[in-house]
Every structure is written in structure tokens, then in C-alpha cells.
Amino acid sequence: MTPQTQTELEAAAFRRLRKHLMEDRTDVQNIDLMNLAGFCRNCLSRWYQEAANAQGIEMTKEEAREIYYGMPYDDWKAAHQSEASPEQQAAFKVAFKENVTDKG
């Protein structure tokens, strides 16, 4: 497999994951993804932003989210996110600390 083919396959897999999370499973809450898998849609948009920045492309968190979500993040939240339960919020604090914040 050539490096170009590998890049194209990786990009296709990313696009399919995005479609799955944004179109097929809008019922799955970000907080549940984070609590179970250690990442969510916001993480994917942050990784997109980090990749852009690494290539010298200036991109804010809000810009990356709008690209990933296909709309302003507040619009996505209003359409698809529900209020998190106290149990979800407590689990999120642990998951966020373990997966997002610096451990060092």
C-alpha cells in the first residue's frame, strides 16, 4: 500500500466515523461517548484543529467545531444534546481528567 493510499483510506474512515456520529447516531450524547470511550465529537473537532494548526493553518476551537459539526456548536447542542444527569457529570469529570487534561 502506498502512503497516499493509506492517507486516503484513513480519511475515508474518519469521514465514515463522522457520518456515523453526526447522522446515524445523533441520539448518542457526547457525555456518554466521553464516559465510555474517552473521546467525543468535541475531541474529534479538537484533533482536527490541532492537525490544522500543526500544518500552519490558523483555526480556533469554534471554527473547528463548526467544520466538524457542520453547523455552529450551539445549534447542534440545541438540536441533539440533553441535560446531563449528576451521575453522567461525575463520570465525565473522571473521564475528562484521564483522557483530556495533562497527566504530568
PDB file of N, CA and C in Angstrom:
ATOM      1  N   MET A   1       0.849  -1.172   0.000  1.00  0.00           N
ATOM      2  CA  MET A   1       0.000   0.000   0.000  1.00  0.00           C
ATOM      3  C   MET A   1       0.897   1.238   0.000  1.00  0.00           C
ATOM      4  N   THR A   2       0.550   2.185  -0.836  1.00  0.00           N
ATOM      5  CA  THR A   2       1.335   3.409  -0.893  1.00  0.00           C
ATOM      6  C   THR A   2       0.932   4.335   0.252  1.00  0.00           C
ATOM      7  N   PRO A   3       1.817   5.255   0.640  1.00  0.00           N
ATOM      8  CA  PRO A   3       1.445   6.232   1.669  1.00  0.00           C
ATOM      9  C   PRO A   3       0.214   7.053   1.274  1.00  0.00           C
ATOM     10  N   GLN A   4       0.076   7.387   0.011  1.00  0.00           N
ATOM     11  CA  GLN A   4      -1.088   8.147  -0.459  1.00  0.00           C
ATOM     12  C   GLN A   4      -2.372   7.344  -0.279  1.00  0.00           C
ATOM     13  N   THR A   5      -2.323   6.061  -0.632  1.00  0.00           N
ATOM     14  CA  THR A   5      -3.500   5.210  -0.457  1.00  0.00           C
ATOM     15  C   THR A   5      -3.849   5.084   1.017  1.00  0.00           C
ATOM     16  N   GLN A   6      -2.846   4.912   1.860  1.00  0.00           N
ATOM     17  CA  GLN A   6      -3.096   4.818   3.294  1.00  0.00           C
ATOM     18  C   GLN A   6      -3.773   6.086   3.810  1.00  0.00           C
ATOM     19  N   THR A   7      -3.271   7.245   3.391  1.00  0.00           N
ATOM     20  CA  THR A   7      -3.869   8.522   3.802  1.00  0.00           C
ATOM     21  C   THR A   7      -5.313   8.619   3.336  1.00  0.00           C
ATOM     22  N   GLU A   8      -5.580   8.189   2.106  1.00  0.00           N
ATOM     23  CA  GLU A   8      -6.940   8.237   1.575  1.00  0.00           C
ATOM     24  C   GLU A   8      -7.873   7.305   2.347  1.00  0.00           C
ATOM     25  N   LEU A   9      -7.399   6.125   2.709  1.00  0.00           N
ATOM     26  CA  LEU A   9      -8.215   5.195   3.486  1.00  0.00           C
ATOM     27  C   LEU A   9      -8.471   5.722   4.887  1.00  0.00           C
ATOM     28  N   GLU A  10      -7.453   6.297   5.509  1.00  0.00           N
ATOM     29  CA  GLU A  10      -7.631   6.885   6.839  1.00  0.00           C
ATOM     30  C   GLU A  10      -8.634   8.031   6.791  1.00  0.00           C
ATOM     31  N   ALA A  11      -8.553   8.864   5.751  1.00  0.00           N
ATOM     32  CA  ALA A  11      -9.501   9.975   5.604  1.00  0.00           C
ATOM     33  C   ALA A  11     -10.917   9.443   5.389  1.00  0.00           C
ATOM     34  N   ALA A  12     -11.049   8.389   4.609  1.00  0.00           N
ATOM     35  CA  ALA A  12     -12.376   7.799   4.381  1.00  0.00           C
ATOM     36  C   ALA A  12     -12.943   7.226   5.673  1.00  0.00           C
ATOM     37  N   ALA A  13     -12.107   6.577   6.478  1.00  0.00           N
ATOM     38  CA  ALA A  13     -12.565   6.028   7.758  1.00  0.00           C
ATOM     39  C   ALA A  13     -12.999   7.152   8.693  1.00  0.00           C
ATOM     40  N   PHE A  14     -12.242   8.260   8.725  1.00  0.00           N
ATOM     41  CA  PHE A  14     -12.622   9.407   9.543  1.00  0.00           C
ATOM     42  C   PHE A  14     -13.969   9.967   9.089  1.00  0.00           C
ATOM     43  N   ARG A  15     -14.140  10.125   7.781  1.00  0.00           N
ATOM     44  CA  ARG A  15     -15.415  10.661   7.273  1.00  0.00           C
ATOM     45  C   ARG A  15     -16.573   9.734   7.637  1.00  0.00           C
ATOM     46  N   ARG A  16     -16.350   8.427   7.598  1.00  0.00           N
ATOM     47  CA  ARG A  16     -17.405   7.480   7.957  1.00  0.00           C
ATOM     48  C   ARG A  16     -17.729   7.545   9.446  1.00  0.00           C
ATOM     49  N   LEU A  17     -16.700   7.686  10.282  1.00  0.00           N
ATOM     50  CA  LEU A  17     -16.928   7.852  11.716  1.00  0.00           C
ATOM     51  C   LEU A  17     -17.723   9.124  11.970  1.00  0.00           C
ATOM     52  N   ARG A  18     -17.344  10.206  11.315  1.00  0.00           N
ATOM     53  CA  ARG A  18     -18.067  11.465  11.477  1.00  0.00           C
ATOM     54  C   ARG A  18     -19.526  11.305  11.059  1.00  0.00           C
ATOM     55  N   LYS A  19     -19.782  10.678   9.912  1.00  0.00           N
ATOM     56  CA  LYS A  19     -21.160  10.463   9.457  1.00  0.00           C
ATOM     57  C   LYS A  19     -21.927   9.632  10.480  1.00  0.00           C
ATOM     58  N   HIS A  20     -21.304   8.606  10.994  1.00  0.00           N
ATOM     59  CA  HIS A  20     -21.968   7.748  11.972  1.00  0.00           C
ATOM     60  C   HIS A  20     -22.387   8.559  13.204  1.00  0.00           C
ATOM     61  N   LEU A  21     -21.476   9.376  13.711  1.00  0.00           N
ATOM     62  CA  LEU A  21     -21.764  10.150  14.919  1.00  0.00           C
ATOM     63  C   LEU A  21     -22.674  11.346  14.662  1.00  0.00           C
ATOM     64  N   MET A  22     -22.604  11.924  13.471  1.00  0.00           N
ATOM     65  CA  MET A  22     -23.352  13.149  13.192  1.00  0.00           C
ATOM     66  C   MET A  22     -24.712  12.889  12.542  1.00  0.00           C
ATOM     67  N   GLU A  23     -24.861  11.752  11.864  1.00  0.00           N
ATOM     68  CA  GLU A  23     -26.110  11.484  11.155  1.00  0.00           C
ATOM     69  C   GLU A  23     -26.811  10.225  11.652  1.00  0.00           C
ATOM     70  N   ASP A  24     -26.052   9.154  11.821  1.00  0.00           N
ATOM     71  CA  ASP A  24     -26.666   7.872  12.161  1.00  0.00           C
ATOM     72  C   ASP A  24     -26.991   7.755  13.645  1.00  0.00           C
ATOM     73  N   ARG A  25     -26.187   8.355  14.499  1.00  0.00           N
ATOM     74  CA  ARG A  25     -26.359   8.188  15.952  1.00  0.00           C
ATOM     75  C   ARG A  25     -26.353   9.526  16.688  1.00  0.00           C
ATOM     76  N   THR A  26     -27.192  10.435  16.237  1.00  0.00           N
ATOM     77  CA  THR A  26     -27.310  11.718  16.934  1.00  0.00           C
ATOM     78  C   THR A  26     -27.883  11.548  18.329  1.00  0.00           C
ATOM     79  N   ASP A  27     -28.490  10.382  18.587  1.00  0.00           N
ATOM     80  CA  ASP A  27     -29.056  10.114  19.906  1.00  0.00           C
ATOM     81  C   ASP A  27     -27.979   9.869  20.963  1.00  0.00           C
ATOM     82  N   VAL A  28     -26.787   9.503  20.543  1.00  0.00           N
ATOM     83  CA  VAL A  28     -25.707   9.230  21.496  1.00  0.00           C
ATOM     84  C   VAL A  28     -25.143  10.569  21.963  1.00  0.00           C
ATOM     85  N   GLN A  29     -25.188  10.782  23.254  1.00  0.00           N
ATOM     86  CA  GLN A  29     -24.742  12.037  23.839  1.00  0.00           C
ATOM     87  C   GLN A  29     -23.209  12.097  23.912  1.00  0.00           C
ATOM     88  N   ASN A  30     -22.662  13.279  23.722  1.00  0.00           N
ATOM     89  CA  ASN A  30     -21.217  13.463  23.852  1.00  0.00           C
ATOM     90  C   ASN A  30     -20.715  12.981  25.207  1.00  0.00           C
ATOM     91  N   ILE A  31     -21.461  13.285  26.258  1.00  0.00           N
ATOM     92  CA  ILE A  31     -21.009  12.914  27.594  1.00  0.00           C
ATOM     93  C   ILE A  31     -20.923  11.390  27.741  1.00  0.00           C
ATOM     94  N   ASP A  32     -21.841  10.672  27.107  1.00  0.00           N
ATOM     95  CA  ASP A  32     -21.782   9.214  27.159  1.00  0.00           C
ATOM     96  C   ASP A  32     -20.596   8.674  26.368  1.00  0.00           C
ATOM     97  N   LEU A  33     -20.324   9.271  25.208  1.00  0.00           N
ATOM     98  CA  LEU A  33     -19.136   8.878  24.444  1.00  0.00           C
ATOM     99  C   LEU A  33     -17.876   9.084  25.276  1.00  0.00           C
ATOM    100  N   MET A  34     -17.786  10.238  25.898  1.00  0.00           N
ATOM    101  CA  MET A  34     -16.607  10.557  26.702  1.00  0.00           C
ATOM    102  C   MET A  34     -16.480   9.606  27.880  1.00  0.00           C
ATOM    103  N   ASN A  35     -17.581   9.350  28.550  1.00  0.00           N
ATOM    104  CA  ASN A  35     -17.545   8.497  29.729  1.00  0.00           C
ATOM    105  C   ASN A  35     -17.198   7.049  29.385  1.00  0.00           C
ATOM    106  N   LEU A  36     -17.642   6.573  28.230  1.00  0.00           N
ATOM    107  CA  LEU A  36     -17.399   5.179  27.847  1.00  0.00           C
ATOM    108  C   LEU A  36     -16.127   4.980  27.025  1.00  0.00           C
ATOM    109  N   ALA A  37     -15.849   5.909  26.134  1.00  0.00           N
ATOM    110  CA  ALA A  37     -14.742   5.711  25.191  1.00  0.00           C
ATOM    111  C   ALA A  37     -13.551   6.626  25.433  1.00  0.00           C
ATOM    112  N   GLY A  38     -13.738   7.662  26.234  1.00  0.00           N
ATOM    113  CA  GLY A  38     -12.635   8.578  26.488  1.00  0.00           C
ATOM    114  C   GLY A  38     -12.454   9.641  25.419  1.00  0.00           C
ATOM    115  N   PHE A  39     -13.407   9.743  24.500  1.00  0.00           N
ATOM    116  CA  PHE A  39     -13.403  10.811  23.497  1.00  0.00           C
ATOM    117  C   PHE A  39     -14.841  11.049  23.057  1.00  0.00           C
ATOM    118  N   CYS A  40     -15.063  12.222  22.452  1.00  0.00           N
ATOM    119  CA  CYS A  40     -16.393  12.546  21.946  1.00  0.00           C
ATOM    120  C   CYS A  40     -16.253  13.374  20.677  1.00  0.00           C
ATOM    121  N   ARG A  41     -17.353  13.877  20.189  1.00  0.00           N
ATOM    122  CA  ARG A  41     -17.326  14.701  18.978  1.00  0.00           C
ATOM    123  C   ARG A  41     -16.446  15.938  19.171  1.00  0.00           C
ATOM    124  N   ASN A  42     -16.492  16.525  20.364  1.00  0.00           N
ATOM    125  CA  ASN A  42     -15.661  17.700  20.624  1.00  0.00           C
ATOM    126  C   ASN A  42     -14.177  17.348  20.545  1.00  0.00           C
ATOM    127  N   CYS A  43     -13.819  16.166  21.014  1.00  0.00           N
ATOM    128  CA  CYS A  43     -12.423  15.720  20.907  1.00  0.00           C
ATOM    129  C   CYS A  43     -12.024  15.614  19.440  1.00  0.00           C
ATOM    130  N   LEU A  44     -12.899  15.028  18.623  1.00  0.00           N
ATOM    131  CA  LEU A  44     -12.600  14.903  17.201  1.00  0.00           C
ATOM    132  C   LEU A  44     -12.410  16.266  16.555  1.00  0.00           C
ATOM    133  N   SER A  45     -13.239  17.231  16.927  1.00  0.00           N
ATOM    134  CA  SER A  45     -13.065  18.577  16.362  1.00  0.00           C
ATOM    135  C   SER A  45     -11.776  19.213  16.874  1.00  0.00           C
ATOM    136  N   ARG A  46     -11.406  18.941  18.133  1.00  0.00           N
ATOM    137  CA  ARG A  46     -10.153  19.475  18.677  1.00  0.00           C
ATOM    138  C   ARG A  46      -8.960  18.849  17.964  1.00  0.00           C
ATOM    139  N   TRP A  47      -9.014  17.560  17.698  1.00  0.00           N
ATOM    140  CA  TRP A  47      -7.920  16.900  16.988  1.00  0.00           C
ATOM    141  C   TRP A  47      -7.804  17.454  15.566  1.00  0.00           C
ATOM    142  N   TYR A  48      -8.934  17.776  14.955  1.00  0.00           N
ATOM    143  CA  TYR A  48      -8.934  18.402  13.632  1.00  0.00           C
ATOM    144  C   TYR A  48      -8.234  19.762  13.711  1.00  0.00           C
ATOM    145  N   GLN A  49      -8.585  20.546  14.727  1.00  0.00           N
ATOM    146  CA  GLN A  49      -7.959  21.850  14.931  1.00  0.00           C
ATOM    147  C   GLN A  49      -6.456  21.694  15.152  1.00  0.00           C
ATOM    148  N   GLU A  50      -6.066  20.754  15.990  1.00  0.00           N
ATOM    149  CA  GLU A  50      -4.648  20.537  16.269  1.00  0.00           C
ATOM    150  C   GLU A  50      -3.894  20.144  15.000  1.00  0.00           C
ATOM    151  N   ALA A  51      -4.491  19.312  14.155  1.00  0.00           N
ATOM    152  CA  ALA A  51      -3.862  18.919  12.896  1.00  0.00           C
ATOM    153  C   ALA A  51      -3.720  20.121  11.968  1.00  0.00           C
ATOM    154  N   ALA A  52      -4.746  20.958  11.916  1.00  0.00           N
ATOM    155  CA  ALA A  52      -4.673  22.169  11.090  1.00  0.00           C
ATOM    156  C   ALA A  52      -3.574  23.085  11.600  1.00  0.00           C
ATOM    157  N   ASN A  53      -3.556  23.315  12.900  1.00  0.00           N
ATOM    158  CA  ASN A  53      -2.528  24.190  13.489  1.00  0.00           C
ATOM    159  C   ASN A  53      -1.133  23.648  13.229  1.00  0.00           C
ATOM    160  N   ALA A  54      -0.957  22.323  13.295  1.00  0.00           N
ATOM    161  CA  ALA A  54       0.350  21.707  13.041  1.00  0.00           C
ATOM    162  C   ALA A  54       0.803  21.933  11.599  1.00  0.00           C
ATOM    163  N   GLN A  55      -0.162  22.135  10.705  1.00  0.00           N
ATOM    164  CA  GLN A  55       0.154  22.421   9.302  1.00  0.00           C
ATOM    165  C   GLN A  55       0.278  23.923   9.032  1.00  0.00           C
ATOM    166  N   GLY A  56       0.228  24.728  10.093  1.00  0.00           N
ATOM    167  CA  GLY A  56       0.342  26.171   9.943  1.00  0.00           C
ATOM    168  C   GLY A  56      -0.960  26.850   9.582  1.00  0.00           C
ATOM    169  N   ILE A  57      -2.062  26.140   9.699  1.00  0.00           N
ATOM    170  CA  ILE A  57      -3.383  26.704   9.396  1.00  0.00           C
ATOM    171  C   ILE A  57      -3.990  27.201  10.700  1.00  0.00           C
ATOM    172  N   GLU A  58      -4.230  28.496  10.786  1.00  0.00           N
ATOM    173  CA  GLU A  58      -4.847  29.068  11.978  1.00  0.00           C
ATOM    174  C   GLU A  58      -6.312  28.654  12.031  1.00  0.00           C
ATOM    175  N   MET A  59      -6.713  28.071  13.153  1.00  0.00           N
ATOM    176  CA  MET A  59      -8.089  27.642  13.323  1.00  0.00           C
ATOM    177  C   MET A  59      -8.418  27.687  14.806  1.00  0.00           C
ATOM    178  N   THR A  60      -9.520  28.322  15.135  1.00  0.00           N
ATOM    179  CA  THR A  60      -9.958  28.380  16.529  1.00  0.00           C
ATOM    180  C   THR A  60     -10.767  27.135  16.867  1.00  0.00           C
ATOM    181  N   LYS A  61     -10.993  26.941  18.160  1.00  0.00           N
ATOM    182  CA  LYS A  61     -11.831  25.839  18.618  1.00  0.00           C
ATOM    183  C   LYS A  61     -13.225  25.945  18.008  1.00  0.00           C
ATOM    184  N   GLU A  62     -13.779  27.152  17.992  1.00  0.00           N
ATOM    185  CA  GLU A  62     -15.120  27.352  17.446  1.00  0.00           C
ATOM    186  C   GLU A  62     -15.162  27.050  15.956  1.00  0.00           C
ATOM    187  N   GLU A  63     -14.136  27.469  15.218  1.00  0.00           N
ATOM    188  CA  GLU A  63     -14.084  27.187  13.780  1.00  0.00           C
ATOM    189  C   GLU A  63     -13.999  25.689  13.524  1.00  0.00           C
ATOM    190  N   ALA A  64     -13.168  24.997  14.290  1.00  0.00           N
ATOM    191  CA  ALA A  64     -13.035  23.549  14.122  1.00  0.00           C
ATOM    192  C   ALA A  64     -14.345  22.844  14.439  1.00  0.00           C
ATOM    193  N   ARG A  65     -15.008  23.277  15.494  1.00  0.00           N
ATOM    194  CA  ARG A  65     -16.292  22.662  15.837  1.00  0.00           C
ATOM    195  C   ARG A  65     -17.314  22.873  14.734  1.00  0.00           C
ATOM    196  N   GLU A  66     -17.362  24.071  14.172  1.00  0.00           N
ATOM    197  CA  GLU A  66     -18.333  24.325  13.111  1.00  0.00           C
ATOM    198  C   GLU A  66     -18.033  23.475  11.882  1.00  0.00           C
ATOM    199  N   ILE A  67     -16.752  23.282  11.579  1.00  0.00           N
ATOM    200  CA  ILE A  67     -16.388  22.407  10.461  1.00  0.00           C
ATOM    201  C   ILE A  67     -16.822  20.981  10.765  1.00  0.00           C
ATOM    202  N   TYR A  68     -16.497  20.495  11.953  1.00  0.00           N
ATOM    203  CA  TYR A  68     -16.821  19.111  12.306  1.00  0.00           C
ATOM    204  C   TYR A  68     -18.329  18.886  12.399  1.00  0.00           C
ATOM    205  N   TYR A  69     -19.030  19.766  13.117  1.00  0.00           N
ATOM    206  CA  TYR A  69     -20.461  19.600  13.325  1.00  0.00           C
ATOM    207  C   TYR A  69     -21.290  19.985  12.099  1.00  0.00           C
ATOM    208  N   GLY A  70     -20.705  20.753  11.194  1.00  0.00           N
ATOM    209  CA  GLY A  70     -21.443  21.199  10.019  1.00  0.00           C
ATOM    210  C   GLY A  70     -22.415  22.321  10.325  1.00  0.00           C
ATOM    211  N   MET A  71     -22.266  22.914  11.508  1.00  0.00           N
ATOM    212  CA  MET A  71     -23.135  23.996  11.965  1.00  0.00           C
ATOM    213  C   MET A  71     -22.503  24.564  13.226  1.00  0.00           C
ATOM    214  N   PRO A  72     -22.940  25.728  13.675  1.00  0.00           N
ATOM    215  CA  PRO A  72     -22.426  26.222  14.956  1.00  0.00           C
ATOM    216  C   PRO A  72     -22.715  25.209  16.066  1.00  0.00           C
ATOM    217  N   TYR A  73     -21.767  25.052  16.967  1.00  0.00           N
ATOM    218  CA  TYR A  73     -21.889  24.060  18.040  1.00  0.00           C
ATOM    219  C   TYR A  73     -23.146  24.283  18.879  1.00  0.00           C
ATOM    220  N   ASP A  74     -23.474  25.543  19.158  1.00  0.00           N
ATOM    221  CA  ASP A  74     -24.674  25.823  19.949  1.00  0.00           C
ATOM    222  C   ASP A  74     -25.936  25.309  19.252  1.00  0.00           C
ATOM    223  N   ASP A  75     -25.960  25.355  17.920  1.00  0.00           N
ATOM    224  CA  ASP A  75     -27.109  24.821  17.174  1.00  0.00           C
ATOM    225  C   ASP A  75     -27.184  23.303  17.337  1.00  0.00           C
ATOM    226  N   TRP A  76     -26.032  22.631  17.257  1.00  0.00           N
ATOM    227  CA  TRP A  76     -26.001  21.170  17.456  1.00  0.00           C
ATOM    228  C   TRP A  76     -26.517  20.814  18.853  1.00  0.00           C
ATOM    229  N   LYS A  77     -25.992  21.509  19.847  1.00  0.00           N
ATOM    230  CA  LYS A  77     -26.409  21.227  21.219  1.00  0.00           C
ATOM    231  C   LYS A  77     -27.915  21.398  21.386  1.00  0.00           C
ATOM    232  N   ALA A  78     -28.457  22.465  20.831  1.00  0.00           N
ATOM    233  CA  ALA A  78     -29.893  22.720  20.964  1.00  0.00           C
ATOM    234  C   ALA A  78     -30.719  21.621  20.293  1.00  0.00           C
ATOM    235  N   ALA A  79     -30.215  21.084  19.201  1.00  0.00           N
ATOM    236  CA  ALA A  79     -30.968  20.075  18.450  1.00  0.00           C
ATOM    237  C   ALA A  79     -30.787  18.660  18.984  1.00  0.00           C
ATOM    238  N   HIS A  80     -29.620  18.357  19.584  1.00  0.00           N
ATOM    239  CA  HIS A  80     -29.304  16.953  19.863  1.00  0.00           C
ATOM    240  C   HIS A  80     -28.842  16.631  21.280  1.00  0.00           C
ATOM    241  N   GLN A  81     -28.432  17.598  22.048  1.00  0.00           N
ATOM    242  CA  GLN A  81     -27.897  17.292  23.375  1.00  0.00           C
ATOM    243  C   GLN A  81     -28.971  17.492  24.439  1.00  0.00           C
ATOM    244  N   SER A  82     -28.957  16.603  25.409  1.00  0.00           N
ATOM    245  CA  SER A  82     -29.870  16.730  26.536  1.00  0.00           C
ATOM    246  C   SER A  82     -29.069  17.064  27.791  1.00  0.00           C
ATOM    247  N   GLU A  83     -29.784  17.447  28.835  1.00  0.00           N
ATOM    248  CA  GLU A  83     -29.142  17.787  30.098  1.00  0.00           C
ATOM    249  C   GLU A  83     -28.507  16.532  30.694  1.00  0.00           C
ATOM    250  N   ALA A  84     -27.284  16.658  31.158  1.00  0.00           N
ATOM    251  CA  ALA A  84     -26.586  15.521  31.757  1.00  0.00           C
ATOM    252  C   ALA A  84     -27.055  15.306  33.195  1.00  0.00           C
ATOM    253  N   SER A  85     -27.168  14.046  33.557  1.00  0.00           N
ATOM    254  CA  SER A  85     -27.553  13.703  34.927  1.00  0.00           C
ATOM    255  C   SER A  85     -26.362  13.931  35.859  1.00  0.00           C
ATOM    256  N   PRO A  86     -26.604  14.034  37.148  1.00  0.00           N
ATOM    257  CA  PRO A  86     -25.487  14.162  38.095  1.00  0.00           C
ATOM    258  C   PRO A  86     -24.501  12.992  37.987  1.00  0.00           C
ATOM    259  N   GLU A  87     -24.997  11.789  37.723  1.00  0.00           N
ATOM    260  CA  GLU A  87     -24.120  10.630  37.569  1.00  0.00           C
ATOM    261  C   GLU A  87     -23.243  10.770  36.331  1.00  0.00           C
ATOM    262  N   GLN A  88     -23.833  11.222  35.227  1.00  0.00           N
ATOM    263  CA  GLN A  88     -23.057  11.443  33.996  1.00  0.00           C
ATOM    264  C   GLN A  88     -21.995  12.517  34.222  1.00  0.00           C
ATOM    265  N   GLN A  89     -22.364  13.587  34.914  1.00  0.00           N
ATOM    266  CA  GLN A  89     -21.414  14.671  35.169  1.00  0.00           C
ATOM    267  C   GLN A  89     -20.252  14.199  36.033  1.00  0.00           C
ATOM    268  N   ALA A  90     -20.539  13.383  37.039  1.00  0.00           N
ATOM    269  CA  ALA A  90     -19.476  12.860  37.904  1.00  0.00           C
ATOM    270  C   ALA A  90     -18.544  11.950  37.115  1.00  0.00           C
ATOM    271  N   ALA A  91     -19.100  11.077  36.290  1.00  0.00           N
ATOM    272  CA  ALA A  91     -18.271  10.193  35.463  1.00  0.00           C
ATOM    273  C   ALA A  91     -17.461  10.999  34.464  1.00  0.00           C
ATOM    274  N   PHE A  92     -18.047  12.085  33.943  1.00  0.00           N
ATOM    275  CA  PHE A  92     -17.341  12.933  32.983  1.00  0.00           C
ATOM    276  C   PHE A  92     -16.104  13.557  33.602  1.00  0.00           C
ATOM    277  N   LYS A  93     -16.205  14.019  34.828  1.00  0.00           N
ATOM    278  CA  LYS A  93     -15.042  14.622  35.493  1.00  0.00           C
ATOM    279  C   LYS A  93     -13.873  13.657  35.520  1.00  0.00           C
ATOM    280  N   VAL A  94     -14.150  12.401  35.804  1.00  0.00           N
ATOM    281  CA  VAL A  94     -13.109  11.378  35.829  1.00  0.00           C
ATOM    282  C   VAL A  94     -12.574  11.125  34.417  1.00  0.00           C
ATOM    283  N   ALA A  95     -13.478  10.926  33.459  1.00  0.00           N
ATOM    284  CA  ALA A  95     -13.070  10.635  32.083  1.00  0.00           C
ATOM    285  C   ALA A  95     -12.275  11.788  31.485  1.00  0.00           C
ATOM    286  N   PHE A  96     -12.709  13.013  31.751  1.00  0.00           N
ATOM    287  CA  PHE A  96     -12.007  14.175  31.214  1.00  0.00           C
ATOM    288  C   PHE A  96     -10.602  14.253  31.782  1.00  0.00           C
ATOM    289  N   LYS A  97     -10.480  14.051  33.080  1.00  0.00           N
ATOM    290  CA  LYS A  97      -9.167  14.102  33.711  1.00  0.00           C
ATOM    291  C   LYS A  97      -8.248  13.016  33.162  1.00  0.00           C
ATOM    292  N   GLU A  98      -8.780  11.828  32.948  1.00  0.00           N
ATOM    293  CA  GLU A  98      -7.986  10.710  32.470  1.00  0.00           C
ATOM    294  C   GLU A  98      -7.618  10.834  30.988  1.00  0.00           C
ATOM    295  N   ASN A  99      -8.450  11.476  30.197  1.00  0.00           N
ATOM    296  CA  ASN A  99      -8.266  11.438  28.747  1.00  0.00           C
ATOM    297  C   ASN A  99      -7.918  12.764  28.093  1.00  0.00           C
ATOM    298  N   VAL A 100      -8.187  13.869  28.761  1.00  0.00           N
ATOM    299  CA  VAL A 100      -8.002  15.162  28.098  1.00  0.00           C
ATOM    300  C   VAL A 100      -6.946  16.015  28.793  1.00  0.00           C
ATOM    301  N   THR A 101      -7.021  16.140  30.083  1.00  0.00           N
ATOM    302  CA  THR A 101      -6.080  17.017  30.775  1.00  0.00           C
ATOM    303  C   THR A 101      -4.717  16.365  30.867  1.00  0.00           C
ATOM    304  N   ASP A 102      -3.707  17.190  31.045  1.00  0.00           N
ATOM    305  CA  ASP A 102      -2.338  16.683  31.217  1.00  0.00           C
ATOM    306  C   ASP A 102      -2.245  15.845  32.475  1.00  0.00           C
ATOM    307  N   LYS A 103      -1.603  14.712  32.349  1.00  0.00           N
ATOM    308  CA  LYS A 103      -1.435  13.823  33.490  1.00  0.00           C
ATOM    309  C   LYS A 103      -0.105  14.068  34.174  1.00  0.00           C
ATOM    310  N   GLY A 104       0.790  14.811  33.523  1.00  0.00           N
ATOM    311  CA  GLY A 104       2.135  15.009  34.043  1.00  0.00           C
ATOM    312  C   GLY A 104       2.198  16.039  35.059  1.00  0.00           C
TER     313      GLY A 104
END
